[in-house]
N, C-alpha and C. Protein backbone atom coordinates (compact mmCIF):
# COMPACT_ATOMS: atom_id res chain seq x y z
N MET A 1 70.87 -121.86 113.04
CA MET A 1 71.61 -121.50 113.98
C MET A 1 73.12 -121.72 113.06
N GLY A 2 74.12 -120.81 112.27
CA GLY A 2 75.10 -121.17 112.02
C GLY A 2 76.48 -121.69 112.57
N ILE A 3 77.74 -121.76 112.44
CA ILE A 3 78.51 -121.73 112.86
C ILE A 3 79.19 -120.12 113.48
N LYS A 4 78.83 -119.24 112.82
CA LYS A 4 79.51 -118.44 113.51
C LYS A 4 78.10 -118.12 114.24
N LYS A 5 77.34 -118.38 114.76
CA LYS A 5 76.46 -117.94 115.40
C LYS A 5 76.86 -118.72 116.91
N ILE A 6 77.22 -119.76 116.72
CA ILE A 6 77.47 -120.86 117.96
C ILE A 6 78.92 -120.71 118.20
N LEU A 7 79.68 -120.19 117.31
CA LEU A 7 81.43 -119.82 118.32
C LEU A 7 80.82 -118.07 118.77
N SER A 8 80.12 -117.37 118.15
CA SER A 8 79.86 -115.98 119.12
C SER A 8 79.10 -115.84 120.32
N ASP A 9 78.50 -117.59 120.66
CA ASP A 9 77.89 -117.42 121.74
C ASP A 9 78.93 -118.17 122.98
N ILE A 10 79.77 -118.48 122.46
CA ILE A 10 80.65 -119.48 123.41
C ILE A 10 81.62 -118.28 123.99
N SER A 11 81.79 -118.37 125.28
CA SER A 11 82.64 -117.78 125.97
C SER A 11 84.15 -118.30 126.46
N THR A 12 85.41 -117.70 126.72
CA THR A 12 86.25 -118.69 126.95
C THR A 12 86.40 -118.57 128.55
N GLN A 13 85.19 -118.23 129.01
CA GLN A 13 84.97 -119.01 130.65
C GLN A 13 84.30 -120.38 130.38
N ASP A 14 83.72 -120.47 129.13
CA ASP A 14 82.91 -121.90 128.77
C ASP A 14 83.58 -122.89 128.64
N ILE A 15 84.74 -122.59 127.86
CA ILE A 15 85.56 -123.33 127.66
C ILE A 15 87.14 -123.69 127.72
N ALA A 16 87.16 -124.99 127.48
CA ALA A 16 88.77 -125.01 128.02
C ALA A 16 89.48 -124.91 126.47
N GLU A 17 89.17 -125.45 125.22
CA GLU A 17 90.03 -125.44 124.33
C GLU A 17 88.59 -125.38 123.20
N LEU A 18 89.31 -124.76 122.12
CA LEU A 18 88.14 -124.96 120.51
C LEU A 18 88.99 -125.53 119.51
N SER A 19 88.90 -126.29 118.71
CA SER A 19 89.70 -126.88 118.03
C SER A 19 88.49 -127.05 116.49
N ILE A 20 89.66 -126.85 115.51
CA ILE A 20 88.97 -127.39 114.17
C ILE A 20 90.36 -127.96 113.59
N GLU A 21 89.29 -129.60 113.59
CA GLU A 21 90.50 -130.95 112.94
C GLU A 21 89.83 -131.39 112.02
N SER A 22 90.99 -131.79 111.29
CA SER A 22 90.41 -133.09 110.16
C SER A 22 91.15 -134.16 110.50
N GLY A 23 90.71 -135.36 109.91
CA GLY A 23 91.59 -136.41 109.98
C GLY A 23 90.94 -137.53 110.73
N ASP A 24 89.54 -137.46 111.31
CA ASP A 24 88.89 -138.29 111.67
C ASP A 24 88.03 -138.89 110.83
N LEU A 25 87.90 -138.44 110.02
CA LEU A 25 87.05 -138.84 108.72
C LEU A 25 87.74 -138.61 107.64
N ALA A 26 87.92 -139.60 106.88
CA ALA A 26 88.57 -139.63 105.41
C ALA A 26 87.95 -138.23 104.73
N TYR A 27 86.48 -137.94 104.54
CA TYR A 27 86.04 -136.59 103.76
C TYR A 27 85.41 -135.52 104.62
N GLY A 28 86.07 -135.35 105.81
CA GLY A 28 85.76 -133.96 106.21
C GLY A 28 86.51 -133.34 107.65
N THR A 29 85.86 -131.94 107.91
CA THR A 29 86.57 -131.80 109.31
C THR A 29 85.28 -130.89 109.96
N GLN A 30 85.89 -131.06 111.22
CA GLN A 30 84.99 -130.93 112.95
C GLN A 30 85.10 -129.66 113.26
N VAL A 31 84.32 -129.09 113.41
CA VAL A 31 84.46 -127.63 114.72
C VAL A 31 84.39 -128.44 115.72
N ARG A 32 84.88 -128.24 116.98
CA ARG A 32 84.82 -129.16 118.58
C ARG A 32 85.41 -128.10 119.58
N VAL A 33 84.59 -128.38 120.31
CA VAL A 33 85.00 -127.77 121.43
C VAL A 33 84.70 -128.38 123.08
N ASN A 34 85.91 -128.19 123.77
CA ASN A 34 86.12 -128.90 124.75
C ASN A 34 85.45 -128.45 125.82
N TYR A 35 84.19 -129.42 127.11
CA TYR A 35 83.74 -128.74 127.83
C TYR A 35 83.82 -129.82 128.93
N PRO A 36 83.72 -129.50 130.25
CA PRO A 36 83.48 -130.17 131.60
C PRO A 36 82.52 -130.95 131.15
N CYS A 37 82.54 -131.92 131.56
CA CYS A 37 81.39 -133.53 131.64
C CYS A 37 80.36 -132.79 133.20
N GLY A 38 79.06 -132.86 132.84
CA GLY A 38 78.54 -133.15 133.97
C GLY A 38 77.30 -134.18 134.21
N ASP A 39 77.25 -134.91 133.07
CA ASP A 39 76.47 -136.08 133.30
C ASP A 39 77.54 -137.81 132.86
N THR A 40 76.31 -138.61 132.94
CA THR A 40 77.04 -139.61 132.25
C THR A 40 76.70 -139.60 130.45
N LEU A 41 77.91 -139.21 130.05
CA LEU A 41 77.49 -139.15 128.39
C LEU A 41 78.34 -140.29 127.45
N THR A 42 77.66 -140.29 126.53
CA THR A 42 78.02 -141.60 125.70
C THR A 42 78.18 -141.41 124.27
N ARG A 43 79.20 -141.04 123.80
CA ARG A 43 79.41 -141.06 122.10
C ARG A 43 78.40 -140.67 121.61
N LEU A 44 78.02 -140.07 120.91
CA LEU A 44 77.43 -139.14 119.97
C LEU A 44 75.51 -139.29 120.41
N GLN A 45 75.94 -138.32 121.63
CA GLN A 45 75.06 -137.81 122.30
C GLN A 45 74.49 -136.70 122.10
N ALA A 46 73.47 -135.71 122.15
CA ALA A 46 73.44 -134.12 122.26
C ALA A 46 73.56 -133.72 123.39
N VAL A 47 74.25 -132.72 123.63
CA VAL A 47 74.23 -132.26 124.68
C VAL A 47 73.81 -130.79 124.65
N TYR A 48 74.08 -129.79 125.99
CA TYR A 48 73.87 -128.81 126.33
C TYR A 48 74.49 -128.03 127.46
N VAL A 49 74.74 -126.97 127.58
CA VAL A 49 75.42 -126.70 128.31
C VAL A 49 74.69 -125.85 130.00
N THR A 50 75.03 -126.55 131.14
CA THR A 50 74.27 -125.95 131.83
C THR A 50 74.34 -124.36 132.25
N SER A 51 73.88 -124.18 133.72
CA SER A 51 74.34 -122.67 133.75
C SER A 51 75.67 -122.60 134.60
N ASP A 52 76.48 -123.77 134.59
CA ASP A 52 77.55 -123.87 135.87
C ASP A 52 78.76 -124.09 134.65
N GLY A 53 77.96 -124.45 133.03
CA GLY A 53 79.30 -124.79 132.02
C GLY A 53 79.68 -126.10 131.82
N TYR A 54 78.88 -126.95 132.37
CA TYR A 54 78.92 -128.30 132.45
C TYR A 54 77.85 -128.71 131.14
N VAL A 55 78.66 -129.64 130.47
CA VAL A 55 77.73 -130.39 129.38
C VAL A 55 76.67 -131.87 129.94
N VAL A 56 75.65 -131.71 129.38
CA VAL A 56 74.55 -132.56 129.97
C VAL A 56 74.09 -133.14 128.46
N ARG A 57 73.58 -134.15 128.74
CA ARG A 57 72.42 -134.75 127.67
C ARG A 57 71.09 -133.71 127.31
N ALA A 58 70.75 -133.43 126.02
CA ALA A 58 69.50 -132.94 125.74
C ALA A 58 68.90 -133.54 125.66
N MET A 59 67.38 -133.12 126.17
CA MET A 59 66.34 -133.65 125.64
C MET A 59 64.84 -133.14 125.54
N ALA A 60 64.81 -132.89 124.12
CA ALA A 60 63.40 -131.96 123.41
C ALA A 60 61.92 -132.02 124.37
N ASN A 61 61.75 -132.53 125.28
CA ASN A 61 60.46 -132.40 126.25
C ASN A 61 60.42 -131.09 127.42
N SER A 62 61.77 -130.46 127.16
CA SER A 62 62.11 -129.72 128.17
C SER A 62 62.91 -128.42 128.18
N SER A 63 62.04 -127.30 127.79
CA SER A 63 62.91 -126.17 127.67
C SER A 63 64.41 -125.62 128.49
N GLY A 64 64.25 -126.73 129.35
CA GLY A 64 65.20 -126.30 130.77
C GLY A 64 66.89 -127.22 130.02
N THR A 65 66.09 -128.43 129.45
CA THR A 65 67.42 -128.97 128.72
C THR A 65 67.88 -129.07 127.69
N MET A 66 67.79 -127.82 126.90
CA MET A 66 67.78 -127.29 125.67
C MET A 66 68.35 -126.50 125.32
N PRO A 67 68.56 -125.31 124.57
CA PRO A 67 68.91 -125.89 123.24
C PRO A 67 70.45 -127.11 123.49
N ALA A 68 70.22 -128.01 122.42
CA ALA A 68 71.37 -128.38 122.10
C ALA A 68 72.52 -127.90 121.76
N ILE A 69 73.85 -127.78 121.86
CA ILE A 69 74.96 -127.27 121.20
C ILE A 69 75.84 -127.66 120.23
N GLY A 70 75.39 -129.50 120.33
CA GLY A 70 76.65 -129.92 119.76
C GLY A 70 76.19 -131.68 119.60
N ILE A 71 77.25 -132.40 119.71
CA ILE A 71 77.66 -134.20 119.63
C ILE A 71 78.98 -134.52 120.12
N VAL A 72 78.71 -135.59 121.30
CA VAL A 72 79.46 -135.79 122.54
C VAL A 72 79.97 -136.57 121.26
N LEU A 73 81.83 -136.65 121.34
CA LEU A 73 82.67 -137.46 120.79
C LEU A 73 83.17 -138.49 121.77
N ASP A 74 83.00 -137.79 123.09
CA ASP A 74 83.61 -139.45 124.04
C ASP A 74 82.78 -139.93 125.20
N THR A 75 82.75 -141.33 125.78
CA THR A 75 82.11 -141.71 126.38
C THR A 75 83.08 -141.10 127.70
N GLN A 76 82.25 -140.23 129.05
CA GLN A 76 82.64 -139.53 129.47
C GLN A 76 81.39 -140.00 130.75
N SER A 77 82.42 -140.29 132.07
CA SER A 77 81.42 -140.05 133.64
C SER A 77 81.50 -139.28 134.47
N THR A 78 83.24 -139.01 134.62
CA THR A 78 83.50 -138.30 135.34
C THR A 78 83.39 -136.90 135.53
N THR A 79 82.19 -136.26 136.75
CA THR A 79 81.98 -134.72 136.60
C THR A 79 83.25 -133.53 136.59
N GLY A 80 83.10 -133.20 135.72
CA GLY A 80 84.55 -132.10 135.88
C GLY A 80 85.52 -132.26 134.38
N ASN A 81 86.39 -133.31 134.19
CA ASN A 81 86.67 -134.19 133.08
C ASN A 81 86.57 -133.86 131.71
N LEU A 82 87.12 -132.78 131.18
CA LEU A 82 86.57 -132.76 129.58
C LEU A 82 86.29 -133.89 128.74
N VAL A 83 85.31 -133.33 127.83
CA VAL A 83 84.88 -134.16 126.53
C VAL A 83 84.76 -133.25 125.99
N ARG A 84 85.07 -134.05 124.73
CA ARG A 84 85.16 -132.99 122.90
C ARG A 84 83.92 -132.96 122.27
N VAL A 85 83.51 -131.89 122.07
CA VAL A 85 81.87 -131.78 121.76
C VAL A 85 82.17 -131.22 120.20
N ALA A 86 81.26 -132.38 118.64
CA ALA A 86 81.36 -131.39 117.68
C ALA A 86 80.63 -130.54 117.70
N VAL A 87 80.51 -128.99 117.12
CA VAL A 87 79.24 -127.77 117.17
C VAL A 87 79.01 -128.00 115.26
N ALA A 88 80.39 -128.30 114.77
CA ALA A 88 79.81 -128.88 113.15
C ALA A 88 80.78 -129.67 112.82
N GLY A 89 80.20 -129.88 111.17
CA GLY A 89 81.22 -131.11 110.35
C GLY A 89 80.62 -132.36 110.25
N LEU A 90 81.36 -133.49 109.89
CA LEU A 90 80.50 -134.25 109.56
C LEU A 90 81.11 -135.61 111.15
N GLN A 91 80.09 -136.41 110.88
CA GLN A 91 80.44 -137.75 112.29
C GLN A 91 79.62 -139.01 111.75
N ASP A 92 80.62 -139.70 111.91
CA ASP A 92 79.60 -141.13 111.99
C ASP A 92 79.52 -142.19 112.93
N GLY A 93 78.89 -142.93 112.78
CA GLY A 93 78.36 -143.97 113.76
C GLY A 93 77.48 -144.17 114.13
N PHE A 94 76.22 -142.69 113.16
CA PHE A 94 74.72 -143.39 114.05
C PHE A 94 74.17 -144.54 113.00
N ASN A 95 72.74 -144.55 112.98
CA ASN A 95 71.68 -145.52 112.53
C ASN A 95 71.08 -144.71 111.80
N PHE A 96 70.80 -144.25 110.53
CA PHE A 96 70.30 -143.74 110.02
C PHE A 96 69.54 -144.38 108.60
N SER A 97 69.34 -145.22 108.78
CA SER A 97 69.16 -146.69 108.07
C SER A 97 67.90 -146.30 107.38
N GLY A 98 67.59 -146.05 106.15
CA GLY A 98 65.71 -145.48 105.64
C GLY A 98 65.63 -143.99 105.95
N TYR A 99 66.36 -143.35 106.39
CA TYR A 99 66.41 -142.28 106.50
C TYR A 99 67.35 -140.73 105.58
N ILE A 100 68.27 -141.72 105.36
CA ILE A 100 69.20 -141.11 104.19
C ILE A 100 68.62 -139.76 103.54
N GLY A 101 69.05 -138.40 103.99
CA GLY A 101 68.62 -136.90 103.38
C GLY A 101 67.73 -136.16 104.47
N LYS A 102 67.35 -136.77 105.19
CA LYS A 102 66.60 -136.53 106.34
C LYS A 102 67.03 -135.63 107.33
N THR A 103 66.12 -134.63 108.17
CA THR A 103 66.88 -134.15 109.25
C THR A 103 67.10 -134.67 110.51
N ALA A 104 67.78 -134.80 111.24
CA ALA A 104 67.85 -135.26 112.26
C ALA A 104 67.92 -134.14 113.74
N PHE A 105 67.28 -134.41 114.48
CA PHE A 105 66.75 -133.88 115.70
C PHE A 105 66.90 -134.63 117.02
N VAL A 106 66.74 -133.50 117.84
CA VAL A 106 67.63 -133.82 119.71
C VAL A 106 65.53 -134.58 119.79
N SER A 107 66.11 -135.82 120.49
CA SER A 107 65.02 -136.80 120.53
C SER A 107 64.37 -136.43 122.20
N PRO A 108 62.86 -136.33 122.13
CA PRO A 108 62.15 -136.20 123.08
C PRO A 108 61.82 -137.06 124.73
N ALA A 109 62.30 -138.55 123.52
CA ALA A 109 61.82 -138.91 124.62
C ALA A 109 62.79 -139.56 125.27
N THR A 110 63.99 -140.12 124.91
CA THR A 110 65.39 -140.05 125.46
C THR A 110 66.47 -139.23 125.46
N ALA A 111 66.72 -139.04 126.66
CA ALA A 111 67.78 -138.27 127.20
C ALA A 111 69.12 -138.06 125.89
N GLY A 112 69.94 -137.14 125.23
CA GLY A 112 71.28 -137.56 124.13
C GLY A 112 70.68 -138.00 123.47
N LEU A 113 69.39 -138.95 122.59
CA LEU A 113 69.20 -139.36 121.61
C LEU A 113 69.08 -138.41 120.58
N VAL A 114 69.63 -138.51 119.19
CA VAL A 114 69.59 -137.70 117.97
C VAL A 114 69.33 -138.80 117.03
N THR A 115 67.89 -138.43 116.49
CA THR A 115 67.24 -139.42 115.96
C THR A 115 66.51 -138.69 114.67
N PRO A 116 66.15 -139.18 113.46
CA PRO A 116 65.44 -138.71 112.62
C PRO A 116 63.72 -138.44 112.78
N ILE A 117 63.32 -138.84 113.82
CA ILE A 117 61.64 -138.36 114.00
C ILE A 117 61.53 -137.22 115.48
N PRO A 118 61.42 -136.43 114.60
CA PRO A 118 61.10 -135.00 115.14
C PRO A 118 59.91 -135.70 116.26
N GLY A 119 59.51 -134.32 117.60
CA GLY A 119 58.81 -134.81 119.04
C GLY A 119 57.51 -134.25 117.55
N ALA A 120 56.23 -134.44 117.75
CA ALA A 120 55.04 -134.14 117.37
C ALA A 120 54.38 -133.68 118.68
N THR A 121 54.42 -133.92 119.96
CA THR A 121 53.50 -133.72 121.11
C THR A 121 53.27 -132.13 121.17
N SER A 122 52.12 -131.11 121.39
CA SER A 122 52.43 -129.94 121.76
C SER A 122 53.24 -129.83 122.83
N GLY A 123 54.25 -128.68 122.72
CA GLY A 123 54.68 -128.12 123.79
C GLY A 123 56.47 -129.17 123.73
N GLN A 124 56.72 -129.94 123.06
CA GLN A 124 57.98 -131.04 122.41
C GLN A 124 58.71 -129.92 121.84
N ILE A 125 59.73 -129.54 121.97
CA ILE A 125 60.37 -128.47 120.84
C ILE A 125 61.65 -129.35 119.96
N LEU A 126 61.35 -129.14 119.36
CA LEU A 126 62.42 -129.12 118.10
C LEU A 126 63.57 -128.63 117.54
N GLN A 127 64.55 -129.35 117.75
CA GLN A 127 65.79 -128.32 117.26
C GLN A 127 66.79 -129.68 116.41
N LYS A 128 67.05 -128.97 114.86
CA LYS A 128 67.54 -129.39 114.31
C LYS A 128 69.61 -129.86 114.63
N MET A 129 69.56 -131.33 114.88
CA MET A 129 71.13 -131.10 114.58
C MET A 129 71.94 -131.42 113.35
N GLY A 130 70.93 -131.90 112.48
CA GLY A 130 71.56 -132.47 111.03
C GLY A 130 71.14 -132.52 109.96
N VAL A 131 71.52 -133.29 109.02
CA VAL A 131 71.13 -134.06 107.73
C VAL A 131 71.96 -135.60 108.35
N ALA A 132 71.37 -136.21 107.86
CA ALA A 132 71.46 -137.98 107.37
C ALA A 132 72.40 -138.15 106.11
N ILE A 133 73.73 -137.84 105.72
CA ILE A 133 74.03 -137.85 104.45
C ILE A 133 74.70 -139.52 103.84
N ASN A 134 74.29 -140.10 105.02
CA ASN A 134 73.77 -141.88 104.18
C ASN A 134 73.58 -143.07 105.55
N THR A 135 73.64 -143.67 105.89
CA THR A 135 73.25 -144.29 106.82
C THR A 135 74.06 -144.31 108.31
N SER A 136 74.90 -144.23 108.24
CA SER A 136 75.80 -143.82 109.37
C SER A 136 76.29 -142.04 109.80
N THR A 137 76.25 -141.37 108.36
CA THR A 137 76.75 -140.44 108.71
C THR A 137 75.89 -138.94 108.99
N LEU A 138 76.34 -138.37 109.94
CA LEU A 138 75.35 -136.97 110.06
C LEU A 138 76.19 -135.74 109.66
N LEU A 139 75.93 -134.90 108.67
CA LEU A 139 76.29 -133.64 108.85
C LEU A 139 75.75 -132.26 109.93
N ILE A 140 76.51 -132.40 110.63
CA ILE A 140 75.82 -131.55 111.94
C ILE A 140 76.00 -129.93 111.42
N GLN A 141 74.98 -129.97 111.65
CA GLN A 141 74.23 -128.28 110.77
C GLN A 141 73.06 -128.16 112.31
N ILE A 142 73.35 -127.53 113.20
CA ILE A 142 72.50 -127.26 114.54
C ILE A 142 71.94 -126.48 114.39
N GLY A 143 70.61 -126.25 114.50
CA GLY A 143 69.51 -124.96 114.14
C GLY A 143 68.79 -124.63 115.10
N GLY A 144 67.98 -123.69 115.23
CA GLY A 144 67.39 -123.17 116.29
C GLY A 144 66.62 -123.99 116.99
N MET A 145 65.59 -123.65 117.81
CA MET A 145 64.56 -124.23 118.38
C MET A 145 63.06 -123.74 118.10
N LEU A 146 62.15 -124.75 118.12
CA LEU A 146 60.93 -123.87 117.79
C LEU A 146 59.72 -125.20 118.84
N GLN A 147 58.92 -125.01 119.46
CA GLN A 147 57.96 -125.68 120.32
C GLN A 147 56.92 -126.19 119.06
N VAL A 148 56.59 -127.10 119.62
CA VAL A 148 55.56 -127.45 118.14
C VAL A 148 54.21 -127.60 119.39
N GLY A 149 53.41 -126.54 118.46
CA GLY A 149 52.04 -125.91 118.82
C GLY A 149 52.17 -124.80 119.49
N GLY A 150 53.75 -124.00 119.00
CA GLY A 150 53.78 -122.76 119.42
C GLY A 150 54.93 -122.08 119.39
N ALA A 151 55.20 -121.07 119.65
CA ALA A 151 56.32 -119.71 118.94
C ALA A 151 58.00 -120.88 118.93
N SER A 152 58.18 -120.16 118.35
CA SER A 152 60.02 -120.39 118.39
C SER A 152 60.27 -119.41 119.10
N TYR A 153 62.18 -120.17 120.30
CA TYR A 153 62.85 -119.55 120.94
C TYR A 153 63.10 -118.39 120.93
C-alpha cells in the first residue's frame, strides 16, 4: 500500500490535520496525520484506527486490531487528545541492531511493537511497516496485510 492509497482512505472526518513536514531528521521528510488518542500510546508504536476514529495500538494476532496505519510520534494517554502519526518517511529511535536492510512488521505478541521478526503462527497477520535503514531508523513503507497460512486481506 503506497502513500497515495493511504491518503485516499483518509477522510476529513477522521483527522484533525494532515501535514508533510521536514526538519525532524537531518535527512528526511515525513507525512503525518493527527488523530484522536484512544489508548495509552507510547512513541514509536504501530497504531490502527477504530470504528470511532481513534488510534489505538495495533497487534498482528487479530484482524480486529489491524491494519496498522502508521507510527505514533508522541506519548499520549488522554482519550481524545490529538496524537501525531507518521504514515510515511523516516523515523529514528528504534533498535534494529543486526537487522539493517530487513523488513519491520507489526508484532503479533506485543501490542504496538514494530519488530523485524515476523509472526509465523497460523492465523497471525503479517503487515510490513517499513525497512530498517540503519540500527535506529525505519523507512516507513506501510504495506498490506497477509494472514500466515491464509489469504491476503
